[in-house]
Amino acid sequence: MIERLKKVSLPALSAVILFCSYHYGRVLGVICFDIVQRTSDNSLVARNKPELKWLCLSFRLISATTVCCFCAPHVADIEDPYEWLLQCLRLSASLICGTCIIVVQICYEKELLRLINSFLRLFRRVRRLSSLKRIGFGGKREFFLLVFKFICLVYELYCELCQMWPLPLLSLFTMLCDIFLEIGSLMIIHIGFVGYLSVAALYSEVNRFARFELRRQLRSLERPAGGPVGRRQLRIVEYRVDECISVYDEIERVGRTFHRLLEVPVLITLLAKIFGTIILSYEVIIRAELYPRKVGMWGLVVKSFADVILLTLAVHEAVSSSRMMRRLGLENCPISDHKEWHVKWEMFLSRLNFFEFRVKPLGLFEVSNEVILLFLSSMITYFTYVVQYGIQTNRL
């Protein structure tokens, strides 16, 4: 059994998780395109599917109308101010994020398809760089992040479905529309996570190629006696260097396009998620008697924190991987007789500094390890204050 587990390919398992998440997004009406295998070269391409798009848009509009007609009046009648604030925030976030999804699907459909095909084309280019055949997605880091994200998705769906039984038919339909709208709006965060993780995986594969294969080819140009290098060998290495530089530039361009396209929807969903988690954690700590299933509610709080942390980790992984090329020291390879190589690498490294992949939401701050630590310390401080308040008011 242990020997079989050792033979399991983590990138292949990551690809399976992505495959399941892709169909999960299609069921929720967020992904309305097809990813098919082209018959000419067996490569994956994204293609528009108008009938699926209009079906998703229609059901999303029906769900939003149903929620506004049946759920909103019920929320307005809630007398508890904390419960009323929590439900208002949840419905408002679902409707706003649902509107963002509709706008992206209608107004930015071509840009989104072009972006996805750029990602798929980049993965093919990166795989052609290396002489080693790789199947799947990413490596160990990407696999473990995807596993945690998949657990969050399953738990989120489980908690929502547990609310549906037993209910009458009209309430069941209303709850189904509410779940479709709420979970669909949260898919924006999950799509942002997968996108930034894809950028990190691309950078990691190019860095792996440069660290091992390209470094070995550059060192093969060294001649102990100072003899000349063959033209054919020089052309091969030069082609690899040019292709590596071109791929690196395209990864930065595609990552920047992805960030610009989903920057506002992800930020809106993230802010709504953080505020909702703050209110929910207060409810669970201070008013625990209102929630008989305390373990399930605490699971939702932890899951909400995990969504924010995983998204931040994916962004940090992409940013840190983009800076790895400067640390490889390829410009120090023994090719001092070829000045054009040094000029080329200096220009490339200067472009890395100028076009560095950075994630700055609305230009306010840069996502980094400091942001993760700041978020964690803020939430721990908040929990401490809430617990102290509960102890002082004899509610704990």
Protein backbone atom coordinates (compact mmCIF):
# COMPACT_ATOMS: atom_id res chain seq x y z
CA MET A 1 0.00 0.00 0.00
CA ILE A 2 2.80 2.42 0.91
CA GLU A 3 4.66 1.58 -2.30
CA ARG A 4 1.55 2.36 -4.34
CA LEU A 5 1.14 5.69 -2.58
CA LYS A 6 4.74 6.58 -3.38
CA LYS A 7 4.05 6.00 -7.08
CA VAL A 8 1.07 8.36 -7.08
CA SER A 9 1.79 11.54 -9.04
CA LEU A 10 0.89 14.65 -7.07
CA PRO A 11 0.63 16.83 -10.22
CA ALA A 12 -1.83 14.28 -11.67
CA LEU A 13 -3.92 14.42 -8.48
CA SER A 14 -3.86 18.22 -8.68
CA ALA A 15 -5.16 17.98 -12.24
CA VAL A 16 -8.01 15.74 -11.03
CA ILE A 17 -8.93 18.28 -8.34
CA LEU A 18 -8.94 21.05 -10.94
CA PHE A 19 -11.11 18.90 -13.22
CA CYS A 20 -13.67 18.38 -10.43
CA SER A 21 -13.58 22.07 -9.52
CA TYR A 22 -14.15 23.00 -13.16
CA HIS A 23 -17.36 20.96 -13.33
CA TYR A 24 -18.38 22.25 -9.89
CA GLY A 25 -18.12 25.79 -11.24
CA ARG A 26 -20.20 24.83 -14.27
CA VAL A 27 -22.95 23.43 -12.06
CA LEU A 28 -23.00 26.72 -10.12
CA GLY A 29 -23.34 28.70 -13.35
CA VAL A 30 -20.04 30.57 -12.97
CA ILE A 31 -18.06 28.76 -15.67
CA CYS A 32 -20.02 28.89 -18.92
CA PHE A 33 -17.46 27.70 -21.46
CA ASP A 34 -16.08 24.35 -22.57
CA ILE A 35 -12.51 23.11 -22.28
CA VAL A 36 -12.13 20.52 -25.04
CA GLN A 37 -9.30 18.61 -26.63
CA ARG A 38 -8.38 19.79 -30.08
CA THR A 39 -8.23 16.95 -32.60
CA SER A 40 -5.27 18.31 -34.57
CA ASP A 41 -2.67 18.23 -31.77
CA ASN A 42 -4.64 16.91 -28.73
CA SER A 43 -4.14 20.22 -26.91
CA LEU A 44 -6.71 21.71 -24.54
CA VAL A 45 -8.54 24.85 -25.65
CA ALA A 46 -11.40 26.87 -24.17
CA ARG A 47 -14.37 27.46 -26.44
CA ASN A 48 -17.45 29.58 -26.09
CA LYS A 49 -20.76 27.84 -25.41
CA PRO A 50 -23.59 30.40 -25.85
CA GLU A 51 -26.44 28.11 -24.82
CA LEU A 52 -24.74 27.32 -21.52
CA LYS A 53 -23.96 30.99 -20.91
CA TRP A 54 -27.56 32.12 -21.38
CA LEU A 55 -28.81 29.20 -19.28
CA CYS A 56 -26.48 30.24 -16.44
CA LEU A 57 -27.47 33.89 -16.77
CA SER A 58 -31.18 33.04 -16.78
CA PHE A 59 -30.97 30.86 -13.70
CA ARG A 60 -28.84 33.45 -11.90
CA LEU A 61 -31.40 36.17 -12.62
CA ILE A 62 -34.22 33.87 -11.49
CA SER A 63 -32.31 33.08 -8.30
CA ALA A 64 -31.65 36.77 -7.60
CA THR A 65 -35.31 37.65 -8.18
CA THR A 66 -36.48 34.81 -5.93
CA VAL A 67 -34.10 35.85 -3.16
CA CYS A 68 -35.21 39.49 -3.38
CA CYS A 69 -38.92 38.52 -3.32
CA PHE A 70 -38.90 35.85 -0.60
CA CYS A 71 -35.67 36.06 1.43
CA ALA A 72 -35.33 39.84 1.68
CA PRO A 73 -38.75 40.40 3.37
CA HIS A 74 -37.95 37.63 5.85
CA VAL A 75 -34.60 39.28 6.66
CA ALA A 76 -36.30 42.67 7.09
CA ASP A 77 -38.56 41.18 9.81
CA ILE A 78 -35.66 39.90 11.92
CA GLU A 79 -35.70 41.69 15.29
CA ASP A 80 -32.28 40.58 16.50
CA PRO A 81 -29.87 43.35 15.33
CA TYR A 82 -26.85 41.06 15.08
CA GLU A 83 -28.72 38.42 13.11
CA TRP A 84 -30.26 41.12 10.93
CA LEU A 85 -26.83 42.62 10.19
CA LEU A 86 -25.37 39.19 9.39
CA GLN A 87 -28.19 38.26 7.01
CA CYS A 88 -28.22 41.70 5.34
CA LEU A 89 -24.49 41.49 4.75
CA ARG A 90 -24.81 37.96 3.37
CA LEU A 91 -27.63 38.85 0.95
CA SER A 92 -26.00 42.10 -0.14
CA ALA A 93 -22.69 40.36 -0.82
CA SER A 94 -24.43 37.57 -2.77
CA LEU A 95 -26.34 40.04 -4.94
CA ILE A 96 -23.34 42.30 -5.57
CA CYS A 97 -21.04 39.38 -6.40
CA GLY A 98 -23.77 37.82 -8.56
CA THR A 99 -23.95 41.10 -10.48
CA CYS A 100 -20.17 41.02 -10.94
CA ILE A 101 -20.40 37.51 -12.36
CA ILE A 102 -23.13 38.58 -14.82
CA VAL A 103 -21.07 41.58 -15.95
CA VAL A 104 -17.97 39.43 -16.49
CA GLN A 105 -19.93 36.77 -18.40
CA ILE A 106 -21.61 39.32 -20.70
CA CYS A 107 -19.09 42.14 -21.13
CA TYR A 108 -15.76 40.34 -20.73
CA GLU A 109 -16.53 36.97 -22.28
CA LYS A 110 -13.99 37.26 -25.12
CA GLU A 111 -11.27 38.60 -22.82
CA LEU A 112 -11.89 35.73 -20.39
CA LEU A 113 -11.69 33.08 -23.11
CA ARG A 114 -8.54 34.69 -24.49
CA LEU A 115 -7.03 34.69 -21.01
CA ILE A 116 -7.82 31.01 -20.38
CA ASN A 117 -6.40 29.99 -23.75
CA SER A 118 -3.29 32.02 -22.93
CA PHE A 119 -2.87 30.02 -19.72
CA LEU A 120 -3.31 26.72 -21.57
CA ARG A 121 -0.90 27.79 -24.33
CA LEU A 122 1.66 28.85 -21.72
CA PHE A 123 1.54 25.47 -20.02
CA ARG A 124 2.18 23.82 -23.38
CA ARG A 125 5.13 26.13 -24.10
CA VAL A 126 6.65 25.49 -20.68
CA ARG A 127 6.30 21.73 -21.10
CA ARG A 128 8.03 21.93 -24.48
CA LEU A 129 10.99 23.71 -22.92
CA SER A 130 11.99 20.77 -20.77
CA SER A 131 13.21 17.44 -22.06
CA LEU A 132 11.37 15.72 -19.20
CA LYS A 133 7.77 14.76 -19.80
CA ARG A 134 5.49 16.17 -17.11
CA ILE A 135 1.80 15.40 -16.64
CA GLY A 136 -0.52 17.25 -14.33
CA PHE A 137 -0.47 20.60 -12.57
CA GLY A 138 2.23 22.17 -10.39
CA GLY A 139 4.15 20.41 -7.67
CA LYS A 140 3.90 19.62 -3.96
CA ARG A 141 3.03 23.13 -2.82
CA GLU A 142 0.30 23.52 -5.40
CA PHE A 143 -1.06 20.09 -4.53
CA PHE A 144 -1.39 20.76 -0.80
CA LEU A 145 -2.96 24.19 -1.40
CA LEU A 146 -5.45 22.60 -3.80
CA VAL A 147 -6.28 19.87 -1.29
CA PHE A 148 -7.06 22.42 1.41
CA LYS A 149 -9.15 24.43 -1.05
CA PHE A 150 -11.03 21.29 -2.12
CA ILE A 151 -11.80 20.46 1.52
CA CYS A 152 -13.17 24.00 1.96
CA LEU A 153 -15.39 23.58 -1.11
CA VAL A 154 -16.79 20.26 0.08
CA TYR A 155 -17.47 21.55 3.59
CA GLU A 156 -19.11 24.70 2.20
CA LEU A 157 -21.45 22.66 0.02
CA TYR A 158 -22.21 20.25 2.87
CA CYS A 159 -23.21 23.07 5.24
CA GLU A 160 -25.48 24.65 2.66
CA LEU A 161 -27.21 21.41 1.70
CA CYS A 162 -27.87 20.51 5.34
CA GLN A 163 -30.24 23.48 5.54
CA MET A 164 -32.56 22.16 2.83
CA TRP A 165 -34.25 19.29 4.66
CA PRO A 166 -36.99 19.09 5.74
CA LEU A 167 -38.62 22.08 3.97
CA PRO A 168 -41.86 22.61 2.00
CA LEU A 169 -41.62 22.90 -1.78
CA LEU A 170 -41.64 26.71 -2.04
CA SER A 171 -39.16 27.13 0.79
CA LEU A 172 -37.01 24.41 -0.76
CA PHE A 173 -36.93 26.25 -4.10
CA THR A 174 -36.16 29.55 -2.35
CA MET A 175 -33.37 27.93 -0.35
CA LEU A 176 -31.98 26.34 -3.52
CA CYS A 177 -31.88 29.74 -5.25
CA ASP A 178 -30.25 31.28 -2.20
CA ILE A 179 -27.59 28.55 -2.11
CA PHE A 180 -27.00 28.88 -5.87
CA LEU A 181 -26.52 32.62 -5.54
CA GLU A 182 -24.38 32.54 -2.38
CA ILE A 183 -22.03 29.70 -3.29
CA GLY A 184 -21.79 31.00 -6.85
CA SER A 185 -20.67 34.39 -5.57
CA LEU A 186 -17.97 32.74 -3.45
CA MET A 187 -16.65 31.01 -6.57
CA ILE A 188 -15.01 34.32 -7.49
CA ILE A 189 -12.54 33.83 -4.63
CA HIS A 190 -11.92 30.23 -5.70
CA ILE A 191 -11.33 31.28 -9.32
CA GLY A 192 -8.91 33.95 -8.13
CA PHE A 193 -7.11 31.32 -6.06
CA VAL A 194 -6.77 28.95 -9.04
CA GLY A 195 -5.63 31.76 -11.33
CA TYR A 196 -2.85 32.99 -9.05
CA LEU A 197 -1.85 29.41 -8.30
CA SER A 198 -1.59 28.76 -12.05
CA VAL A 199 0.75 31.74 -12.38
CA ALA A 200 2.83 30.32 -9.52
CA ALA A 201 2.92 26.87 -11.16
CA LEU A 202 4.09 28.36 -14.48
CA TYR A 203 6.86 30.35 -12.81
CA SER A 204 7.92 27.29 -10.80
CA GLU A 205 8.23 25.10 -13.91
CA VAL A 206 10.27 27.71 -15.79
CA ASN A 207 12.50 28.21 -12.75
CA ARG A 208 12.99 24.45 -12.49
CA PHE A 209 13.99 24.32 -16.15
CA ALA A 210 16.41 27.24 -15.72
CA ARG A 211 17.90 25.84 -12.51
CA PHE A 212 18.74 22.42 -13.91
CA GLU A 213 18.57 22.06 -17.68
CA LEU A 214 19.41 25.59 -18.83
CA ARG A 215 22.24 25.92 -16.29
CA ARG A 216 23.67 22.60 -17.48
CA GLN A 217 23.50 23.72 -21.12
CA LEU A 218 25.15 27.05 -20.32
CA ARG A 219 27.97 25.29 -18.48
CA SER A 220 28.45 23.00 -21.48
CA LEU A 221 29.71 26.05 -23.39
CA GLU A 222 32.75 26.19 -21.12
CA ARG A 223 35.96 24.88 -22.71
CA PRO A 224 38.85 23.99 -20.33
CA ALA A 225 41.48 24.90 -22.91
CA GLY A 226 39.61 27.95 -24.14
CA GLY A 227 38.70 26.33 -27.44
CA PRO A 228 35.89 27.61 -29.67
CA VAL A 229 32.29 26.53 -29.16
CA GLY A 230 30.48 24.80 -31.98
CA ARG A 231 27.98 26.96 -33.85
CA ARG A 232 25.26 24.32 -33.66
CA GLN A 233 25.60 23.97 -29.90
CA LEU A 234 25.65 27.74 -29.52
CA ARG A 235 22.46 28.11 -31.57
CA ILE A 236 20.69 25.43 -29.52
CA VAL A 237 21.55 27.08 -26.21
CA GLU A 238 20.72 30.52 -27.57
CA TYR A 239 17.31 29.29 -28.71
CA ARG A 240 16.62 27.86 -25.24
CA VAL A 241 17.62 31.12 -23.58
CA ASP A 242 15.46 33.19 -25.91
CA GLU A 243 12.49 30.88 -25.40
CA CYS A 244 12.93 30.98 -21.62
CA ILE A 245 13.01 34.78 -21.66
CA SER A 246 9.96 34.93 -23.93
CA VAL A 247 7.98 32.54 -21.73
CA TYR A 248 8.89 34.48 -18.60
CA ASP A 249 7.69 37.72 -20.18
CA GLU A 250 4.43 36.13 -21.32
CA ILE A 251 3.73 34.68 -17.87
CA GLU A 252 4.06 38.16 -16.38
CA ARG A 253 1.75 39.60 -19.05
CA VAL A 254 -0.92 36.91 -18.61
CA GLY A 255 -0.74 37.18 -14.81
CA ARG A 256 -1.13 40.96 -14.99
CA THR A 257 -4.13 40.58 -17.35
CA PHE A 258 -5.76 38.08 -15.00
CA HIS A 259 -5.25 40.41 -12.04
CA ARG A 260 -6.78 43.37 -13.86
CA LEU A 261 -9.77 41.38 -15.06
CA LEU A 262 -10.78 39.91 -11.69
CA GLU A 263 -9.29 42.49 -9.33
CA VAL A 264 -12.53 44.28 -8.41
CA PRO A 265 -14.81 41.18 -8.13
CA VAL A 266 -12.28 39.32 -5.99
CA LEU A 267 -11.74 42.34 -3.74
CA ILE A 268 -15.50 42.89 -3.25
CA THR A 269 -16.07 39.22 -2.44
CA LEU A 270 -13.06 39.16 -0.13
CA LEU A 271 -14.20 42.19 1.86
CA ALA A 272 -17.71 40.78 2.21
CA LYS A 273 -16.20 37.47 3.30
CA ILE A 274 -14.04 39.10 5.97
CA PHE A 275 -16.85 41.23 7.43
CA GLY A 276 -19.27 38.29 7.39
CA THR A 277 -16.71 36.12 9.17
CA ILE A 278 -16.17 38.79 11.83
CA ILE A 279 -19.90 38.98 12.59
CA LEU A 280 -20.35 35.20 12.45
CA SER A 281 -17.46 34.58 14.85
CA TYR A 282 -18.96 37.12 17.28
CA GLU A 283 -22.29 35.31 17.11
CA VAL A 284 -20.71 31.90 17.70
CA ILE A 285 -18.62 33.10 20.67
CA ILE A 286 -21.04 35.44 22.47
CA ARG A 287 -24.42 33.94 21.55
CA ALA A 288 -23.55 30.29 21.35
CA GLU A 289 -26.93 29.27 22.81
CA LEU A 290 -28.63 30.28 19.54
CA TYR A 291 -26.60 27.74 17.57
CA PRO A 292 -27.15 24.13 18.64
CA ARG A 293 -24.60 22.92 16.07
CA LYS A 294 -21.62 24.80 17.47
CA VAL A 295 -19.06 22.55 15.80
CA GLY A 296 -20.57 23.17 12.37
CA MET A 297 -20.65 26.93 12.91
CA TRP A 298 -17.04 26.98 14.09
CA GLY A 299 -16.20 24.97 10.99
CA LEU A 300 -17.71 27.73 8.85
CA VAL A 301 -15.64 30.35 10.69
CA VAL A 302 -12.43 28.36 10.18
CA LYS A 303 -13.36 27.71 6.55
CA SER A 304 -13.90 31.43 5.92
CA PHE A 305 -10.49 32.23 7.40
CA ALA A 306 -8.95 29.45 5.32
CA ASP A 307 -10.40 30.92 2.10
CA VAL A 308 -8.74 34.27 2.79
CA ILE A 309 -5.44 32.70 3.83
CA LEU A 310 -5.34 30.32 0.83
CA LEU A 311 -5.98 33.16 -1.61
CA THR A 312 -3.22 35.21 0.00
CA LEU A 313 -0.84 32.24 -0.05
CA ALA A 314 -1.54 31.64 -3.75
CA VAL A 315 -0.76 35.28 -4.51
CA HIS A 316 2.41 35.16 -2.41
CA GLU A 317 3.49 31.94 -4.13
CA ALA A 318 3.11 33.58 -7.55
CA VAL A 319 4.98 36.74 -6.52
CA SER A 320 7.84 34.87 -4.83
CA SER A 321 8.20 32.44 -7.75
CA SER A 322 8.47 35.37 -10.18
CA ARG A 323 11.48 36.65 -8.23
CA MET A 324 13.29 33.31 -8.16
CA MET A 325 14.99 33.75 -11.54
CA ARG A 326 17.16 36.60 -10.20
CA ARG A 327 18.46 34.30 -7.44
CA LEU A 328 19.67 31.55 -9.78
CA GLY A 329 22.82 33.43 -10.77
CA LEU A 330 22.73 32.29 -14.39
CA GLU A 331 24.62 35.42 -15.42
CA ASN A 332 27.62 33.96 -13.54
CA CYS A 333 27.89 30.95 -15.83
CA PRO A 334 31.34 30.69 -17.55
CA ILE A 335 30.50 32.37 -20.86
CA SER A 336 32.72 35.42 -20.51
CA ASP A 337 33.94 35.16 -24.13
CA HIS A 338 30.39 35.79 -25.37
CA LYS A 339 29.57 39.35 -24.44
CA GLU A 340 26.19 39.24 -26.17
CA TRP A 341 25.08 36.68 -23.59
CA HIS A 342 25.85 39.01 -20.73
CA VAL A 343 24.05 41.88 -22.46
CA LYS A 344 21.03 39.66 -23.05
CA TRP A 345 20.89 38.51 -19.44
CA GLU A 346 21.37 42.02 -18.07
CA MET A 347 18.49 43.24 -20.22
CA PHE A 348 16.36 40.32 -19.06
CA LEU A 349 17.10 40.88 -15.37
CA SER A 350 16.43 44.59 -15.73
CA ARG A 351 13.05 43.73 -17.29
CA LEU A 352 12.34 41.47 -14.33
CA ASN A 353 12.89 44.41 -12.01
CA PHE A 354 10.82 46.79 -14.10
CA PHE A 355 7.98 44.38 -14.99
CA GLU A 356 7.97 42.50 -11.71
CA PHE A 357 4.78 40.54 -11.08
CA ARG A 358 3.04 42.26 -8.22
CA VAL A 359 -0.49 42.07 -6.85
CA LYS A 360 -1.72 45.41 -5.52
CA PRO A 361 -5.50 45.52 -4.96
CA LEU A 362 -6.56 48.90 -6.39
CA GLY A 363 -2.95 50.04 -5.93
CA LEU A 364 -3.43 50.30 -2.16
CA PHE A 365 -1.00 47.70 -0.85
CA GLU A 366 1.09 44.79 -2.03
CA VAL A 367 0.09 41.27 -1.06
CA SER A 368 2.99 39.60 0.76
CA ASN A 369 3.90 37.61 3.85
CA GLU A 370 3.49 40.77 5.91
CA VAL A 371 -0.16 40.99 4.86
CA ILE A 372 -0.76 37.37 5.93
CA LEU A 373 0.83 38.00 9.33
CA LEU A 374 -1.11 41.25 9.71
CA PHE A 375 -4.39 39.49 8.94
CA LEU A 376 -3.68 36.63 11.34
CA SER A 377 -2.60 38.94 14.15
CA SER A 378 -5.68 41.13 13.61
CA MET A 379 -8.04 38.18 13.80
CA ILE A 380 -6.32 36.79 16.91
CA THR A 381 -6.59 40.21 18.54
CA TYR A 382 -10.25 40.41 17.57
CA PHE A 383 -10.97 36.96 19.03
CA THR A 384 -9.17 37.96 22.23
CA TYR A 385 -11.30 41.09 22.64
CA VAL A 386 -14.52 39.17 21.91
CA VAL A 387 -13.65 36.47 24.46
CA GLN A 388 -12.74 39.09 27.09
CA TYR A 389 -16.03 40.87 26.43
CA GLY A 390 -17.90 37.60 26.84
CA ILE A 391 -16.15 36.90 30.14
CA GLN A 392 -16.81 40.39 31.51
CA THR A 393 -20.51 40.23 30.61
CA ASN A 394 -20.85 36.65 31.98
CA ARG A 395 -21.78 35.24 28.59
CA LEU A 396 -18.95 32.71 28.55
